[in-house]
Amino acid sequence: AALWAVYMTYRAITKGDEVLSRIVGAKEVSARDEPKFHASADRVAKAAGIRKPRLVVIESKALNAFAAGRDELHATVGVTRG
């Protein structure tokens, strides 16, 4: 059980943003698909002095968003269509 817990913790830390995206059914979007979303993320990342995260969209009418990842190289920002 302890080994399983260590493995799951490691997995959550290293792949948590990707796993969360799959769980909620998010799809990665390109700058061509969502130019305003990418432009906004570019501005915020530049102001913060970090790289732009991977951007995903969840097909839902609810208003919601999330950010996940362990560092700027492994980060995801997701929003709903709502």
PDB file of N, CA and C in Angstrom:
ATOM      1  N   ALA A   1       0.826  -1.192   0.000  1.00  0.00           N
ATOM      2  CA  ALA A   1       0.000   0.000   0.000  1.00  0.00           C
ATOM      3  C   ALA A   1       0.875   1.262   0.000  1.00  0.00           C
ATOM      4  N   ALA A   2       1.960   1.207   0.756  1.00  0.00           N
ATOM      5  CA  ALA A   2       2.841   2.376   0.831  1.00  0.00           C
ATOM      6  C   ALA A   2       3.500   2.649  -0.509  1.00  0.00           C
ATOM      7  N   LEU A   3       3.906   1.597  -1.211  1.00  0.00           N
ATOM      8  CA  LEU A   3       4.506   1.779  -2.534  1.00  0.00           C
ATOM      9  C   LEU A   3       3.497   2.361  -3.512  1.00  0.00           C
ATOM     10  N   TRP A   4       2.275   1.890  -3.442  1.00  0.00           N
ATOM     11  CA  TRP A   4       1.216   2.416  -4.310  1.00  0.00           C
ATOM     12  C   TRP A   4       0.990   3.898  -4.025  1.00  0.00           C
ATOM     13  N   ALA A   5       0.990   4.278  -2.751  1.00  0.00           N
ATOM     14  CA  ALA A   5       0.802   5.678  -2.375  1.00  0.00           C
ATOM     15  C   ALA A   5       1.950   6.543  -2.898  1.00  0.00           C
ATOM     16  N   VAL A   6       3.169   6.036  -2.801  1.00  0.00           N
ATOM     17  CA  VAL A   6       4.325   6.777  -3.318  1.00  0.00           C
ATOM     18  C   VAL A   6       4.204   6.945  -4.829  1.00  0.00           C
ATOM     19  N   TYR A   7       3.832   5.872  -5.521  1.00  0.00           N
ATOM     20  CA  TYR A   7       3.676   5.943  -6.976  1.00  0.00           C
ATOM     21  C   TYR A   7       2.588   6.944  -7.358  1.00  0.00           C
ATOM     22  N   MET A   8       1.442   6.886  -6.707  1.00  0.00           N
ATOM     23  CA  MET A   8       0.336   7.784  -7.046  1.00  0.00           C
ATOM     24  C   MET A   8       0.693   9.245  -6.748  1.00  0.00           C
ATOM     25  N   THR A   9       1.421   9.475  -5.676  1.00  0.00           N
ATOM     26  CA  THR A   9       1.866  10.835  -5.361  1.00  0.00           C
ATOM     27  C   THR A   9       2.814  11.347  -6.435  1.00  0.00           C
ATOM     28  N   TYR A  10       3.766  10.514  -6.824  1.00  0.00           N
ATOM     29  CA  TYR A  10       4.699  10.879  -7.894  1.00  0.00           C
ATOM     30  C   TYR A  10       3.946  11.192  -9.180  1.00  0.00           C
ATOM     31  N   ARG A  11       3.002  10.339  -9.524  1.00  0.00           N
ATOM     32  CA  ARG A  11       2.208  10.527 -10.745  1.00  0.00           C
ATOM     33  C   ARG A  11       1.403  11.831 -10.681  1.00  0.00           C
ATOM     34  N   ALA A  12       0.822  12.120  -9.533  1.00  0.00           N
ATOM     35  CA  ALA A  12       0.038  13.349  -9.382  1.00  0.00           C
ATOM     36  C   ALA A  12       0.914  14.584  -9.552  1.00  0.00           C
ATOM     37  N   ILE A  13       2.119  14.521  -9.028  1.00  0.00           N
ATOM     38  CA  ILE A  13       3.030  15.663  -9.128  1.00  0.00           C
ATOM     39  C   ILE A  13       3.534  15.840 -10.558  1.00  0.00           C
ATOM     40  N   THR A  14       3.887  14.749 -11.229  1.00  0.00           N
ATOM     41  CA  THR A  14       4.502  14.865 -12.548  1.00  0.00           C
ATOM     42  C   THR A  14       3.509  14.982 -13.695  1.00  0.00           C
ATOM     43  N   LYS A  15       2.332  14.406 -13.561  1.00  0.00           N
ATOM     44  CA  LYS A  15       1.369  14.403 -14.666  1.00  0.00           C
ATOM     45  C   LYS A  15      -0.011  14.925 -14.275  1.00  0.00           C
ATOM     46  N   GLY A  16      -0.108  15.600 -13.134  1.00  0.00           N
ATOM     47  CA  GLY A  16      -1.401  16.038 -12.621  1.00  0.00           C
ATOM     48  C   GLY A  16      -2.190  16.914 -13.574  1.00  0.00           C
ATOM     49  N   ASP A  17      -1.515  17.849 -14.260  1.00  0.00           N
ATOM     50  CA  ASP A  17      -2.227  18.739 -15.170  1.00  0.00           C
ATOM     51  C   ASP A  17      -2.828  17.975 -16.344  1.00  0.00           C
ATOM     52  N   GLU A  18      -2.106  16.990 -16.866  1.00  0.00           N
ATOM     53  CA  GLU A  18      -2.621  16.188 -17.989  1.00  0.00           C
ATOM     54  C   GLU A  18      -3.767  15.286 -17.547  1.00  0.00           C
ATOM     55  N   VAL A  19      -3.621  14.689 -16.377  1.00  0.00           N
ATOM     56  CA  VAL A  19      -4.667  13.800 -15.855  1.00  0.00           C
ATOM     57  C   VAL A  19      -5.940  14.595 -15.588  1.00  0.00           C
ATOM     58  N   LEU A  20      -5.810  15.768 -14.973  1.00  0.00           N
ATOM     59  CA  LEU A  20      -6.978  16.601 -14.702  1.00  0.00           C
ATOM     60  C   LEU A  20      -7.680  16.985 -15.997  1.00  0.00           C
ATOM     61  N   SER A  21      -6.927  17.334 -17.016  1.00  0.00           N
ATOM     62  CA  SER A  21      -7.521  17.702 -18.304  1.00  0.00           C
ATOM     63  C   SER A  21      -8.338  16.546 -18.882  1.00  0.00           C
ATOM     64  N   ARG A  22      -7.799  15.338 -18.781  1.00  0.00           N
ATOM     65  CA  ARG A  22      -8.531  14.170 -19.286  1.00  0.00           C
ATOM     66  C   ARG A  22      -9.786  13.891 -18.473  1.00  0.00           C
ATOM     67  N   ILE A  23      -9.689  14.034 -17.160  1.00  0.00           N
ATOM     68  CA  ILE A  23     -10.834  13.761 -16.290  1.00  0.00           C
ATOM     69  C   ILE A  23     -12.004  14.680 -16.621  1.00  0.00           C
ATOM     70  N   VAL A  24     -11.740  15.954 -16.837  1.00  0.00           N
ATOM     71  CA  VAL A  24     -12.822  16.910 -17.107  1.00  0.00           C
ATOM     72  C   VAL A  24     -13.185  17.001 -18.584  1.00  0.00           C
ATOM     73  N   GLY A  25     -12.502  16.242 -19.428  1.00  0.00           N
ATOM     74  CA  GLY A  25     -12.824  16.226 -20.857  1.00  0.00           C
ATOM     75  C   GLY A  25     -12.344  17.444 -21.611  1.00  0.00           C
ATOM     76  N   ALA A  26     -11.271  18.049 -21.157  1.00  0.00           N
ATOM     77  CA  ALA A  26     -10.732  19.248 -21.801  1.00  0.00           C
ATOM     78  C   ALA A  26      -9.947  18.883 -23.057  1.00  0.00           C
ATOM     79  N   LYS A  27     -10.015  19.764 -24.031  1.00  0.00           N
ATOM     80  CA  LYS A  27      -9.277  19.593 -25.290  1.00  0.00           C
ATOM     81  C   LYS A  27      -8.333  20.774 -25.472  1.00  0.00           C
ATOM     82  N   GLU A  28      -7.080  20.473 -25.825  1.00  0.00           N
ATOM     83  CA  GLU A  28      -6.104  21.537 -26.072  1.00  0.00           C
ATOM     84  C   GLU A  28      -6.522  22.330 -27.304  1.00  0.00           C
ATOM     85  N   VAL A  29      -6.356  23.646 -27.238  1.00  0.00           N
ATOM     86  CA  VAL A  29      -6.732  24.507 -28.355  1.00  0.00           C
ATOM     87  C   VAL A  29      -5.511  25.273 -28.852  1.00  0.00           C
ATOM     88  N   SER A  30      -5.481  25.494 -30.145  1.00  0.00           N
ATOM     89  CA  SER A  30      -4.380  26.234 -30.756  1.00  0.00           C
ATOM     90  C   SER A  30      -4.737  27.723 -30.828  1.00  0.00           C
ATOM     91  N   ALA A  31      -3.751  28.528 -31.165  1.00  0.00           N
ATOM     92  CA  ALA A  31      -3.981  29.968 -31.332  1.00  0.00           C
ATOM     93  C   ALA A  31      -4.933  30.230 -32.491  1.00  0.00           C
ATOM     94  N   ARG A  32      -4.952  29.356 -33.456  1.00  0.00           N
ATOM     95  CA  ARG A  32      -5.872  29.495 -34.586  1.00  0.00           C
ATOM     96  C   ARG A  32      -7.321  29.235 -34.140  1.00  0.00           C
ATOM     97  N   ASP A  33      -7.504  28.244 -33.249  1.00  0.00           N
ATOM     98  CA  ASP A  33      -8.845  27.903 -32.767  1.00  0.00           C
ATOM     99  C   ASP A  33      -9.408  28.953 -31.821  1.00  0.00           C
ATOM    100  N   GLU A  34      -8.580  29.450 -30.910  1.00  0.00           N
ATOM    101  CA  GLU A  34      -9.012  30.394 -29.867  1.00  0.00           C
ATOM    102  C   GLU A  34      -8.028  31.556 -29.747  1.00  0.00           C
ATOM    103  N   PRO A  35      -8.035  32.473 -30.722  1.00  0.00           N
ATOM    104  CA  PRO A  35      -7.034  33.549 -30.707  1.00  0.00           C
ATOM    105  C   PRO A  35      -7.154  34.488 -29.500  1.00  0.00           C
ATOM    106  N   LYS A  36      -8.370  34.791 -29.031  1.00  0.00           N
ATOM    107  CA  LYS A  36      -8.521  35.694 -27.888  1.00  0.00           C
ATOM    108  C   LYS A  36      -8.004  35.047 -26.606  1.00  0.00           C
ATOM    109  N   PHE A  37      -8.275  33.769 -26.432  1.00  0.00           N
ATOM    110  CA  PHE A  37      -7.800  33.024 -25.259  1.00  0.00           C
ATOM    111  C   PHE A  37      -6.272  33.011 -25.236  1.00  0.00           C
ATOM    112  N   HIS A  38      -5.667  32.730 -26.361  1.00  0.00           N
ATOM    113  CA  HIS A  38      -4.205  32.701 -26.445  1.00  0.00           C
ATOM    114  C   HIS A  38      -3.605  34.089 -26.243  1.00  0.00           C
ATOM    115  N   ALA A  39      -4.230  35.104 -26.799  1.00  0.00           N
ATOM    116  CA  ALA A  39      -3.718  36.472 -26.629  1.00  0.00           C
ATOM    117  C   ALA A  39      -3.777  36.887 -25.162  1.00  0.00           C
ATOM    118  N   SER A  40      -4.871  36.552 -24.481  1.00  0.00           N
ATOM    119  CA  SER A  40      -4.996  36.872 -23.053  1.00  0.00           C
ATOM    120  C   SER A  40      -3.939  36.142 -22.242  1.00  0.00           C
ATOM    121  N   ALA A  41      -3.755  34.861 -22.526  1.00  0.00           N
ATOM    122  CA  ALA A  41      -2.753  34.069 -21.807  1.00  0.00           C
ATOM    123  C   ALA A  41      -1.347  34.604 -22.076  1.00  0.00           C
ATOM    124  N   ASP A  42      -1.081  35.027 -23.303  1.00  0.00           N
ATOM    125  CA  ASP A  42       0.222  35.618 -23.639  1.00  0.00           C
ATOM    126  C   ASP A  42       0.485  36.867 -22.800  1.00  0.00           C
ATOM    127  N   ARG A  43      -0.531  37.745 -22.701  1.00  0.00           N
ATOM    128  CA  ARG A  43      -0.371  38.985 -21.940  1.00  0.00           C
ATOM    129  C   ARG A  43      -0.115  38.706 -20.456  1.00  0.00           C
ATOM    130  N   VAL A  44      -0.875  37.795 -19.885  1.00  0.00           N
ATOM    131  CA  VAL A  44      -0.711  37.485 -18.461  1.00  0.00           C
ATOM    132  C   VAL A  44       0.647  36.831 -18.200  1.00  0.00           C
ATOM    133  N   ALA A  45       1.031  35.895 -19.050  1.00  0.00           N
ATOM    134  CA  ALA A  45       2.316  35.219 -18.876  1.00  0.00           C
ATOM    135  C   ALA A  45       3.468  36.212 -19.008  1.00  0.00           C
ATOM    136  N   LYS A  46       3.365  37.104 -19.971  1.00  0.00           N
ATOM    137  CA  LYS A  46       4.425  38.100 -20.164  1.00  0.00           C
ATOM    138  C   LYS A  46       4.521  39.017 -18.948  1.00  0.00           C
ATOM    139  N   ALA A  47       3.380  39.450 -18.425  1.00  0.00           N
ATOM    140  CA  ALA A  47       3.377  40.323 -17.250  1.00  0.00           C
ATOM    141  C   ALA A  47       3.950  39.615 -16.020  1.00  0.00           C
ATOM    142  N   ALA A  48       3.737  38.302 -15.940  1.00  0.00           N
ATOM    143  CA  ALA A  48       4.247  37.520 -14.809  1.00  0.00           C
ATOM    144  C   ALA A  48       5.692  37.073 -15.025  1.00  0.00           C
ATOM    145  N   GLY A  49       6.186  37.224 -16.250  1.00  0.00           N
ATOM    146  CA  GLY A  49       7.556  36.820 -16.552  1.00  0.00           C
ATOM    147  C   GLY A  49       7.730  35.313 -16.643  1.00  0.00           C
ATOM    148  N   ILE A  50       6.685  34.622 -17.112  1.00  0.00           N
ATOM    149  CA  ILE A  50       6.744  33.162 -17.247  1.00  0.00           C
ATOM    150  C   ILE A  50       6.323  32.755 -18.656  1.00  0.00           C
ATOM    151  N   ARG A  51       6.524  31.475 -18.965  1.00  0.00           N
ATOM    152  CA  ARG A  51       6.065  30.947 -20.256  1.00  0.00           C
ATOM    153  C   ARG A  51       4.559  30.774 -20.230  1.00  0.00           C
ATOM    154  N   LYS A  52       3.955  30.876 -21.399  1.00  0.00           N
ATOM    155  CA  LYS A  52       2.511  30.648 -21.504  1.00  0.00           C
ATOM    156  C   LYS A  52       2.228  29.165 -21.257  1.00  0.00           C
ATOM    157  N   PRO A  53       1.234  28.862 -20.434  1.00  0.00           N
ATOM    158  CA  PRO A  53       0.904  27.458 -20.180  1.00  0.00           C
ATOM    159  C   PRO A  53       0.147  26.835 -21.345  1.00  0.00           C
ATOM    160  N   ARG A  54      -0.019  25.534 -21.277  1.00  0.00           N
ATOM    161  CA  ARG A  54      -0.861  24.822 -22.236  1.00  0.00           C
ATOM    162  C   ARG A  54      -2.298  25.262 -21.975  1.00  0.00           C
ATOM    163  N   LEU A  55      -3.037  25.545 -23.035  1.00  0.00           N
ATOM    164  CA  LEU A  55      -4.402  26.043 -22.891  1.00  0.00           C
ATOM    165  C   LEU A  55      -5.399  24.990 -23.365  1.00  0.00           C
ATOM    166  N   VAL A  56      -6.433  24.761 -22.543  1.00  0.00           N
ATOM    167  CA  VAL A  56      -7.458  23.776 -22.871  1.00  0.00           C
ATOM    168  C   VAL A  56      -8.836  24.382 -22.678  1.00  0.00           C
ATOM    169  N   VAL A  57      -9.821  23.816 -23.383  1.00  0.00           N
ATOM    170  CA  VAL A  57     -11.203  24.265 -23.280  1.00  0.00           C
ATOM    171  C   VAL A  57     -12.078  23.065 -22.937  1.00  0.00           C
ATOM    172  N   ILE A  58     -13.013  23.293 -22.024  1.00  0.00           N
ATOM    173  CA  ILE A  58     -13.980  22.281 -21.624  1.00  0.00           C
ATOM    174  C   ILE A  58     -15.324  22.680 -22.237  1.00  0.00           C
ATOM    175  N   GLU A  59     -15.932  21.768 -22.956  1.00  0.00           N
ATOM    176  CA  GLU A  59     -17.216  22.048 -23.597  1.00  0.00           C
ATOM    177  C   GLU A  59     -18.338  21.966 -22.556  1.00  0.00           C
ATOM    178  N   SER A  60     -18.601  23.092 -21.901  1.00  0.00           N
ATOM    179  CA  SER A  60     -19.636  23.170 -20.884  1.00  0.00           C
ATOM    180  C   SER A  60     -20.194  24.582 -20.866  1.00  0.00           C
ATOM    181  N   LYS A  61     -21.482  24.708 -20.570  1.00  0.00           N
ATOM    182  CA  LYS A  61     -22.101  26.034 -20.484  1.00  0.00           C
ATOM    183  C   LYS A  61     -21.864  26.693 -19.133  1.00  0.00           C
ATOM    184  N   ALA A  62     -21.398  25.923 -18.165  1.00  0.00           N
ATOM    185  CA  ALA A  62     -21.119  26.473 -16.834  1.00  0.00           C
ATOM    186  C   ALA A  62     -19.924  27.418 -16.894  1.00  0.00           C
ATOM    187  N   LEU A  63     -19.931  28.425 -16.028  1.00  0.00           N
ATOM    188  CA  LEU A  63     -18.789  29.334 -15.930  1.00  0.00           C
ATOM    189  C   LEU A  63     -17.776  28.711 -14.978  1.00  0.00           C
ATOM    190  N   ASN A  64     -16.598  28.406 -15.482  1.00  0.00           N
ATOM    191  CA  ASN A  64     -15.592  27.775 -14.646  1.00  0.00           C
ATOM    192  C   ASN A  64     -14.229  27.859 -15.320  1.00  0.00           C
ATOM    193  N   ALA A  65     -13.193  27.666 -14.533  1.00  0.00           N
ATOM    194  CA  ALA A  65     -11.821  27.647 -15.034  1.00  0.00           C
ATOM    195  C   ALA A  65     -10.956  26.908 -14.029  1.00  0.00           C
ATOM    196  N   PHE A  66      -9.787  26.474 -14.470  1.00  0.00           N
ATOM    197  CA  PHE A  66      -8.848  25.846 -13.562  1.00  0.00           C
ATOM    198  C   PHE A  66      -7.428  26.072 -14.050  1.00  0.00           C
ATOM    199  N   ALA A  67      -6.498  25.959 -13.129  1.00  0.00           N
ATOM    200  CA  ALA A  67      -5.072  25.996 -13.434  1.00  0.00           C
ATOM    201  C   ALA A  67      -4.429  24.844 -12.685  1.00  0.00           C
ATOM    202  N   ALA A  68      -3.542  24.138 -13.352  1.00  0.00           N
ATOM    203  CA  ALA A  68      -2.880  22.987 -12.731  1.00  0.00           C
ATOM    204  C   ALA A  68      -1.462  22.872 -13.262  1.00  0.00           C
ATOM    205  N   GLY A  69      -0.620  22.231 -12.484  1.00  0.00           N
ATOM    206  CA  GLY A  69       0.748  21.985 -12.906  1.00  0.00           C
ATOM    207  C   GLY A  69       1.736  22.284 -11.802  1.00  0.00           C
ATOM    208  N   ARG A  70       2.925  21.706 -11.922  1.00  0.00           N
ATOM    209  CA  ARG A  70       3.910  21.857 -10.855  1.00  0.00           C
ATOM    210  C   ARG A  70       4.861  23.020 -11.075  1.00  0.00           C
ATOM    211  N   ASP A  71       4.994  23.490 -12.307  1.00  0.00           N
ATOM    212  CA  ASP A  71       5.860  24.628 -12.608  1.00  0.00           C
ATOM    213  C   ASP A  71       5.452  25.182 -13.968  1.00  0.00           C
ATOM    214  N   GLU A  72       6.122  26.235 -14.397  1.00  0.00           N
ATOM    215  CA  GLU A  72       5.705  26.867 -15.652  1.00  0.00           C
ATOM    216  C   GLU A  72       5.942  25.996 -16.877  1.00  0.00           C
ATOM    217  N   LEU A  73       6.803  25.006 -16.788  1.00  0.00           N
ATOM    218  CA  LEU A  73       7.039  24.109 -17.911  1.00  0.00           C
ATOM    219  C   LEU A  73       5.986  23.005 -18.006  1.00  0.00           C
ATOM    220  N   HIS A  74       5.277  22.771 -16.925  1.00  0.00           N
ATOM    221  CA  HIS A  74       4.283  21.702 -16.870  1.00  0.00           C
ATOM    222  C   HIS A  74       2.961  22.265 -16.339  1.00  0.00           C
ATOM    223  N   ALA A  75       2.487  23.319 -16.951  1.00  0.00           N
ATOM    224  CA  ALA A  75       1.279  23.996 -16.479  1.00  0.00           C
ATOM    225  C   ALA A  75       0.173  23.946 -17.531  1.00  0.00           C
ATOM    226  N   THR A  76      -1.048  23.915 -17.051  1.00  0.00           N
ATOM    227  CA  THR A  76      -2.225  23.934 -17.914  1.00  0.00           C
ATOM    228  C   THR A  76      -3.236  24.903 -17.338  1.00  0.00           C
ATOM    229  N   VAL A  77      -3.853  25.699 -18.199  1.00  0.00           N
ATOM    230  CA  VAL A  77      -4.961  26.570 -17.815  1.00  0.00           C
ATOM    231  C   VAL A  77      -6.148  26.142 -18.674  1.00  0.00           C
ATOM    232  N   GLY A  78      -7.266  25.913 -18.011  1.00  0.00           N
ATOM    233  CA  GLY A  78      -8.467  25.502 -18.720  1.00  0.00           C
ATOM    234  C   GLY A  78      -9.635  26.414 -18.419  1.00  0.00           C
ATOM    235  N   VAL A  79     -10.481  26.589 -19.406  1.00  0.00           N
ATOM    236  CA  VAL A  79     -11.704  27.370 -19.230  1.00  0.00           C
ATOM    237  C   VAL A  79     -12.860  26.612 -19.885  1.00  0.00           C
ATOM    238  N   THR A  80     -14.060  26.937 -19.461  1.00  0.00           N
ATOM    239  CA  THR A  80     -15.251  26.360 -20.094  1.00  0.00           C
ATOM    240  C   THR A  80     -15.754  27.310 -21.173  1.00  0.00           C
ATOM    241  N   ARG A  81     -16.593  26.835 -22.026  1.00  0.00           N
ATOM    242  CA  ARG A  81     -17.194  27.701 -23.050  1.00  0.00           C
ATOM    243  C   ARG A  81     -18.127  28.725 -22.424  1.00  0.00           C
ATOM    244  N   GLY A  82     -18.668  28.402 -21.243  1.00  0.00           N
ATOM    245  CA  GLY A  82     -19.588  29.291 -20.555  1.00  0.00           C
ATOM    246  C   GLY A  82     -18.990  30.654 -20.315  1.00  0.00           C
TER     247      GLY A  82
END
